[in-house]
Amino acid sequence: MALDQHHYDFTLAALLIARQRFKEVSSPRQNEVERWINSLRQAIGQQQFATLQEFVEPRLQQIVEQELRAKRAQHEEE
């Protein structure tokens, strides 16, 4: 997985939000999200994942909204 730190932040934030939502509705897709989270953990290593998770968890919505705004602005420029 060749993502820079910014993309790791967004990826983990999106996955953690998905995990929360799937858990709220008891979705069978919870296991898929867990596999994706575990894949990210394996790709970057346990230590970096733990650091990333500490940074991301308190700001899930902020990270996702910021990335979506940036993508929207980029798209409007094209």
N, C-alpha and C. Protein backbone atom coordinates (compact mmCIF):
# COMPACT_ATOMS: atom_id res chain seq x y z
N MET A 1 0.86 -1.17 0.00
CA MET A 1 0.00 0.00 0.00
C MET A 1 0.90 1.23 0.00
N ALA A 2 0.88 1.98 -1.06
CA ALA A 2 1.77 3.12 -1.21
C ALA A 2 0.99 4.42 -1.03
N LEU A 3 0.64 4.72 0.19
CA LEU A 3 -0.08 5.94 0.49
C LEU A 3 0.78 6.83 1.36
N ASP A 4 0.66 8.16 1.20
CA ASP A 4 1.39 9.03 2.09
C ASP A 4 0.60 9.22 3.39
N GLN A 5 1.20 9.91 4.35
CA GLN A 5 0.59 10.05 5.67
C GLN A 5 -0.80 10.64 5.60
N HIS A 6 -0.99 11.64 4.77
CA HIS A 6 -2.30 12.28 4.63
C HIS A 6 -3.35 11.26 4.22
N HIS A 7 -3.01 10.39 3.29
CA HIS A 7 -3.96 9.39 2.84
C HIS A 7 -4.21 8.32 3.90
N TYR A 8 -3.19 8.00 4.69
CA TYR A 8 -3.40 7.07 5.80
C TYR A 8 -4.41 7.65 6.78
N ASP A 9 -4.27 8.94 7.08
CA ASP A 9 -5.20 9.59 8.00
C ASP A 9 -6.63 9.45 7.51
N PHE A 10 -6.82 9.82 6.25
CA PHE A 10 -8.17 9.77 5.68
C PHE A 10 -8.68 8.33 5.60
N THR A 11 -7.83 7.42 5.17
CA THR A 11 -8.24 6.02 5.03
C THR A 11 -8.69 5.46 6.37
N LEU A 12 -7.88 5.64 7.38
CA LEU A 12 -8.24 5.10 8.69
C LEU A 12 -9.49 5.78 9.24
N ALA A 13 -9.59 7.09 9.09
CA ALA A 13 -10.78 7.81 9.57
C ALA A 13 -12.04 7.27 8.90
N ALA A 14 -11.99 7.10 7.60
CA ALA A 14 -13.15 6.59 6.87
C ALA A 14 -13.50 5.17 7.32
N LEU A 15 -12.49 4.35 7.52
CA LEU A 15 -12.74 2.98 7.96
C LEU A 15 -13.31 2.94 9.38
N LEU A 16 -12.81 3.79 10.25
CA LEU A 16 -13.33 3.80 11.62
C LEU A 16 -14.77 4.31 11.67
N ILE A 17 -15.10 5.27 10.82
CA ILE A 17 -16.49 5.73 10.73
C ILE A 17 -17.37 4.61 10.19
N ALA A 18 -16.89 3.92 9.17
CA ALA A 18 -17.65 2.79 8.62
C ALA A 18 -17.87 1.73 9.68
N ARG A 19 -16.82 1.44 10.45
CA ARG A 19 -16.94 0.45 11.53
C ARG A 19 -18.04 0.85 12.51
N GLN A 20 -18.04 2.13 12.91
CA GLN A 20 -19.06 2.62 13.84
C GLN A 20 -20.47 2.45 13.27
N ARG A 21 -20.63 2.87 12.01
CA ARG A 21 -21.96 2.82 11.40
C ARG A 21 -22.45 1.39 11.22
N PHE A 22 -21.56 0.52 10.76
CA PHE A 22 -21.95 -0.88 10.58
C PHE A 22 -22.28 -1.53 11.91
N LYS A 23 -21.56 -1.16 12.95
CA LYS A 23 -21.83 -1.70 14.28
C LYS A 23 -23.20 -1.24 14.77
N GLU A 24 -23.52 0.03 14.54
CA GLU A 24 -24.80 0.59 14.97
C GLU A 24 -25.98 -0.16 14.37
N VAL A 25 -25.83 -0.62 13.15
CA VAL A 25 -26.95 -1.30 12.47
C VAL A 25 -26.75 -2.82 12.42
N SER A 26 -25.77 -3.30 13.15
CA SER A 26 -25.46 -4.74 13.19
C SER A 26 -25.30 -5.33 11.79
N SER A 27 -24.55 -4.62 10.96
CA SER A 27 -24.35 -5.06 9.58
C SER A 27 -23.39 -6.25 9.51
N PRO A 28 -23.67 -7.19 8.63
CA PRO A 28 -22.74 -8.30 8.43
C PRO A 28 -21.44 -7.84 7.76
N ARG A 29 -21.42 -6.62 7.26
CA ARG A 29 -20.21 -6.10 6.60
C ARG A 29 -19.17 -5.61 7.59
N GLN A 30 -19.46 -5.68 8.88
CA GLN A 30 -18.50 -5.28 9.90
C GLN A 30 -17.18 -6.03 9.72
N ASN A 31 -17.27 -7.30 9.37
CA ASN A 31 -16.06 -8.11 9.20
C ASN A 31 -15.20 -7.61 8.06
N GLU A 32 -15.82 -7.13 6.99
CA GLU A 32 -15.06 -6.57 5.86
C GLU A 32 -14.26 -5.37 6.30
N VAL A 33 -14.90 -4.49 7.05
CA VAL A 33 -14.22 -3.28 7.52
C VAL A 33 -13.06 -3.67 8.42
N GLU A 34 -13.26 -4.64 9.29
CA GLU A 34 -12.18 -5.10 10.16
C GLU A 34 -11.01 -5.64 9.34
N ARG A 35 -11.30 -6.35 8.27
CA ARG A 35 -10.23 -6.86 7.41
C ARG A 35 -9.47 -5.71 6.76
N TRP A 36 -10.17 -4.67 6.32
CA TRP A 36 -9.51 -3.52 5.72
C TRP A 36 -8.63 -2.80 6.74
N ILE A 37 -9.15 -2.65 7.95
CA ILE A 37 -8.36 -2.01 9.01
C ILE A 37 -7.12 -2.85 9.30
N ASN A 38 -7.28 -4.16 9.38
CA ASN A 38 -6.14 -5.04 9.62
C ASN A 38 -5.13 -4.99 8.47
N SER A 39 -5.61 -4.86 7.25
CA SER A 39 -4.71 -4.74 6.09
C SER A 39 -3.88 -3.46 6.19
N LEU A 40 -4.51 -2.37 6.60
CA LEU A 40 -3.78 -1.12 6.79
C LEU A 40 -2.75 -1.29 7.89
N ARG A 41 -3.14 -1.92 9.00
CA ARG A 41 -2.22 -2.16 10.12
C ARG A 41 -1.01 -2.95 9.65
N GLN A 42 -1.23 -3.99 8.86
CA GLN A 42 -0.13 -4.81 8.35
C GLN A 42 0.75 -4.02 7.38
N ALA A 43 0.13 -3.18 6.56
CA ALA A 43 0.87 -2.43 5.55
C ALA A 43 1.83 -1.42 6.17
N ILE A 44 1.40 -0.79 7.27
CA ILE A 44 2.24 0.28 7.84
C ILE A 44 2.95 -0.14 9.12
N GLY A 45 2.60 -1.29 9.65
CA GLY A 45 3.24 -1.77 10.88
C GLY A 45 2.45 -1.37 12.11
N GLN A 46 2.54 -2.20 13.12
CA GLN A 46 1.75 -2.00 14.35
C GLN A 46 2.07 -0.68 15.03
N GLN A 47 3.33 -0.33 15.14
CA GLN A 47 3.71 0.91 15.85
C GLN A 47 3.16 2.14 15.14
N GLN A 48 3.37 2.22 13.81
CA GLN A 48 2.86 3.38 13.08
C GLN A 48 1.34 3.40 13.09
N PHE A 49 0.72 2.23 13.03
CA PHE A 49 -0.74 2.16 13.07
C PHE A 49 -1.26 2.70 14.41
N ALA A 50 -0.63 2.30 15.50
CA ALA A 50 -1.07 2.76 16.82
C ALA A 50 -0.95 4.28 16.93
N THR A 51 0.14 4.83 16.43
CA THR A 51 0.34 6.29 16.44
C THR A 51 -0.72 6.97 15.58
N LEU A 52 -0.95 6.40 14.41
CA LEU A 52 -1.96 6.94 13.50
C LEU A 52 -3.34 6.91 14.13
N GLN A 53 -3.67 5.80 14.76
CA GLN A 53 -4.99 5.65 15.39
C GLN A 53 -5.18 6.67 16.51
N GLU A 54 -4.14 6.90 17.29
CA GLU A 54 -4.21 7.92 18.36
C GLU A 54 -4.49 9.30 17.80
N PHE A 55 -3.88 9.61 16.65
CA PHE A 55 -4.08 10.91 16.02
C PHE A 55 -5.48 11.02 15.39
N VAL A 56 -5.91 9.96 14.74
CA VAL A 56 -7.14 10.00 13.93
C VAL A 56 -8.41 9.90 14.76
N GLU A 57 -8.46 9.02 15.75
CA GLU A 57 -9.71 8.75 16.45
C GLU A 57 -10.42 9.98 17.00
N PRO A 58 -9.72 10.93 17.61
CA PRO A 58 -10.44 12.09 18.15
C PRO A 58 -10.94 13.06 17.07
N ARG A 59 -10.52 12.89 15.83
CA ARG A 59 -10.90 13.84 14.78
C ARG A 59 -11.44 13.17 13.52
N LEU A 60 -12.17 12.10 13.67
CA LEU A 60 -12.67 11.34 12.52
C LEU A 60 -13.42 12.22 11.52
N GLN A 61 -14.47 12.86 12.00
CA GLN A 61 -15.31 13.68 11.11
C GLN A 61 -14.51 14.80 10.46
N GLN A 62 -13.68 15.46 11.24
CA GLN A 62 -12.88 16.58 10.73
C GLN A 62 -11.98 16.13 9.59
N ILE A 63 -11.32 15.00 9.74
CA ILE A 63 -10.40 14.49 8.72
C ILE A 63 -11.16 14.16 7.44
N VAL A 64 -12.28 13.47 7.57
CA VAL A 64 -13.05 13.08 6.40
C VAL A 64 -13.64 14.30 5.70
N GLU A 65 -14.21 15.22 6.47
CA GLU A 65 -14.79 16.42 5.87
C GLU A 65 -13.74 17.26 5.16
N GLN A 66 -12.56 17.38 5.77
CA GLN A 66 -11.48 18.16 5.16
C GLN A 66 -11.05 17.55 3.83
N GLU A 67 -10.93 16.24 3.79
CA GLU A 67 -10.53 15.56 2.55
C GLU A 67 -11.60 15.71 1.47
N LEU A 68 -12.86 15.58 1.87
CA LEU A 68 -13.95 15.73 0.90
C LEU A 68 -14.00 17.15 0.34
N ARG A 69 -13.78 18.15 1.19
CA ARG A 69 -13.74 19.54 0.71
C ARG A 69 -12.58 19.73 -0.27
N ALA A 70 -11.44 19.17 0.05
CA ALA A 70 -10.27 19.29 -0.82
C ALA A 70 -10.54 18.63 -2.17
N LYS A 71 -11.14 17.46 -2.16
CA LYS A 71 -11.46 16.75 -3.41
C LYS A 71 -12.48 17.54 -4.22
N ARG A 72 -13.46 18.11 -3.55
CA ARG A 72 -14.48 18.90 -4.23
C ARG A 72 -13.84 20.12 -4.89
N ALA A 73 -12.96 20.81 -4.17
CA ALA A 73 -12.28 21.99 -4.71
C ALA A 73 -11.40 21.61 -5.88
N GLN A 74 -10.71 20.49 -5.77
CA GLN A 74 -9.85 20.02 -6.86
C GLN A 74 -10.69 19.71 -8.09
N HIS A 75 -11.81 19.09 -7.88
CA HIS A 75 -12.69 18.74 -8.99
C HIS A 75 -13.24 19.99 -9.67
N GLU A 76 -13.57 21.01 -8.88
CA GLU A 76 -14.09 22.25 -9.45
C GLU A 76 -13.04 23.00 -10.25
N GLU A 77 -11.77 22.82 -9.91
CA GLU A 77 -10.69 23.48 -10.64
C GLU A 77 -10.46 22.83 -12.01
N GLU A 78 -10.84 21.57 -12.13
CA GLU A 78 -10.58 20.85 -13.39
C GLU A 78 -11.52 21.23 -14.48
